Amino acid sequence: MTVDAIEWRVSDELVPYPEALAAMEARAAAIRAGAARELIWLLEHPPLYTAGTSADPAELFNPEGFPVYAAGRGGRYTYHGPGQPISASPPIARPAGSASGWTRTGAARPRSAPSACA
């Protein structure tokens, strides 16, 4: 695969988690069908938590009432929000045990933490 085979997208506005998830699932299907190039998307979400398969609701301290989304990945809870850029890329084949079939990686340390973590 060459660098030209990869599309880069940067979102300047916050992208709601459900919108990003739907876009990446559609992109993964298009890649598998040969109708789209690989994509690396740099984005930030409004404040939210993702819950991994080991998440226990009793462990989540969320006084602000941020939304919580099941992520289908291992682990417990992860905060995502403004000032915490992430990269997302849909793989061509869904990894074993992956509910969404795409990967997300923290691209940088948060510039600020939610008040509950301060």
Protein backbone atom coordinates (compact mmCIF):
# COMPACT_ATOMS: atom_id res chain seq x y z
CA MET A 1 0.00 0.00 0.00
CA THR A 2 1.33 3.44 -0.88
CA VAL A 3 0.81 6.69 0.98
CA ASP A 4 -1.41 7.84 -1.91
CA ALA A 5 -3.73 4.91 -1.15
CA ILE A 6 -4.60 6.44 2.23
CA GLU A 7 -7.04 9.32 2.66
CA TRP A 8 -6.45 11.71 5.55
CA ARG A 9 -9.36 13.63 7.08
CA VAL A 10 -9.15 16.27 9.81
CA SER A 11 -12.31 17.52 11.51
CA ASP A 12 -12.07 21.01 13.00
CA GLU A 13 -15.40 20.68 14.84
CA LEU A 14 -16.34 18.18 17.55
CA VAL A 15 -17.79 15.00 16.03
CA PRO A 16 -20.52 13.21 18.04
CA TYR A 17 -19.53 9.62 18.83
CA PRO A 18 -22.57 7.97 17.14
CA GLU A 19 -21.90 9.99 13.96
CA ALA A 20 -18.22 8.99 13.90
CA LEU A 21 -19.07 5.34 14.58
CA ALA A 22 -21.64 5.22 11.75
CA ALA A 23 -19.24 6.93 9.32
CA MET A 24 -16.40 4.55 10.12
CA GLU A 25 -18.59 1.44 9.88
CA ALA A 26 -19.83 2.63 6.47
CA ARG A 27 -16.26 3.38 5.40
CA ALA A 28 -15.07 -0.10 6.46
CA ALA A 29 -17.84 -1.67 4.36
CA ALA A 30 -16.90 0.51 1.36
CA ILE A 31 -13.21 -0.44 1.73
CA ARG A 32 -14.11 -4.16 1.83
CA ALA A 33 -16.24 -3.65 -1.31
CA GLY A 34 -13.35 -1.90 -3.08
CA ALA A 35 -15.29 1.37 -3.31
CA ALA A 36 -13.14 3.51 -0.97
CA ARG A 37 -9.54 4.02 0.09
CA GLU A 38 -8.16 3.42 3.57
CA LEU A 39 -8.85 6.41 5.85
CA ILE A 40 -7.14 7.97 8.83
CA TRP A 41 -9.45 10.49 10.49
CA LEU A 42 -8.24 12.95 13.13
CA LEU A 43 -11.10 14.18 15.30
CA GLU A 44 -12.32 15.14 18.77
CA HIS A 45 -15.62 14.29 20.45
CA PRO A 46 -17.88 16.22 22.81
CA PRO A 47 -17.39 14.93 26.39
CA LEU A 48 -18.30 11.23 26.69
CA TYR A 49 -17.14 7.90 28.03
CA THR A 50 -16.77 4.64 26.13
CA ALA A 51 -17.35 1.45 28.06
CA GLY A 52 -15.27 -1.63 27.28
CA THR A 53 -16.34 -5.19 27.85
CA SER A 54 -14.97 -5.14 31.43
CA ALA A 55 -16.75 -1.90 32.38
CA ASP A 56 -18.63 -2.02 35.68
CA PRO A 57 -21.20 0.78 36.12
CA ALA A 58 -20.32 0.93 39.83
CA GLU A 59 -16.80 2.07 38.90
CA LEU A 60 -17.80 5.07 36.78
CA PHE A 61 -17.70 8.47 38.50
CA ASN A 62 -19.69 10.69 36.12
CA PRO A 63 -21.26 13.61 38.04
CA GLU A 64 -21.59 15.68 34.83
CA GLY A 65 -23.77 12.96 33.30
CA PHE A 66 -21.69 12.60 30.13
CA PRO A 67 -23.10 10.01 27.73
CA VAL A 68 -21.64 6.50 27.95
CA TYR A 69 -21.35 4.32 24.83
CA ALA A 70 -20.62 0.59 24.71
CA ALA A 71 -17.44 0.28 22.66
CA GLY A 72 -17.14 -3.47 22.12
CA ARG A 73 -13.43 -3.38 23.00
CA GLY A 74 -11.62 -4.71 26.02
CA GLY A 75 -11.01 -2.61 29.08
CA ARG A 76 -13.19 -0.48 31.27
CA TYR A 77 -14.04 3.22 30.76
CA THR A 78 -12.25 5.78 28.61
CA TYR A 79 -12.97 9.51 28.59
CA HIS A 80 -13.06 11.30 25.22
CA GLY A 81 -13.65 14.99 24.80
CA PRO A 82 -12.53 18.41 23.62
CA GLY A 83 -8.77 18.86 23.73
CA GLN A 84 -8.19 15.12 23.35
CA PRO A 85 -7.56 14.45 19.66
CA ILE A 86 -7.88 10.87 18.47
CA SER A 87 -7.26 9.08 15.22
CA ALA A 88 -9.69 6.59 13.78
CA SER A 89 -9.14 4.16 10.94
CA PRO A 90 -11.41 1.36 9.72
CA PRO A 91 -9.62 -1.92 9.05
CA ILE A 92 -10.51 -3.89 5.94
CA ALA A 93 -11.22 -7.01 8.02
CA ARG A 94 -12.99 -6.89 11.37
CA PRO A 95 -10.62 -8.00 14.15
CA ALA A 96 -11.73 -10.95 16.25
CA GLY A 97 -13.76 -9.77 19.24
CA SER A 98 -14.32 -6.29 17.79
CA ALA A 99 -17.91 -5.08 17.81
CA SER A 100 -17.34 -2.04 15.63
CA GLY A 101 -14.54 -3.28 13.41
CA TRP A 102 -12.49 -0.08 13.58
CA THR A 103 -9.69 1.18 15.72
CA ARG A 104 -9.26 4.41 17.64
CA THR A 105 -6.02 5.63 19.08
CA GLY A 106 -5.39 8.58 21.37
CA ALA A 107 -3.25 10.96 19.33
CA ALA A 108 -2.16 13.22 22.16
CA ARG A 109 -2.49 13.80 25.88
CA PRO A 110 -5.59 15.79 26.78
CA ARG A 111 -5.00 19.52 27.06
CA SER A 112 -7.53 19.53 29.88
CA ALA A 113 -9.30 16.88 31.90
CA PRO A 114 -12.99 16.87 32.75
CA SER A 115 -13.69 18.54 36.05
CA ALA A 116 -14.48 15.17 37.60
CA CYS A 117 -10.87 14.09 37.00
CA ALA A 118 -9.22 17.34 38.08
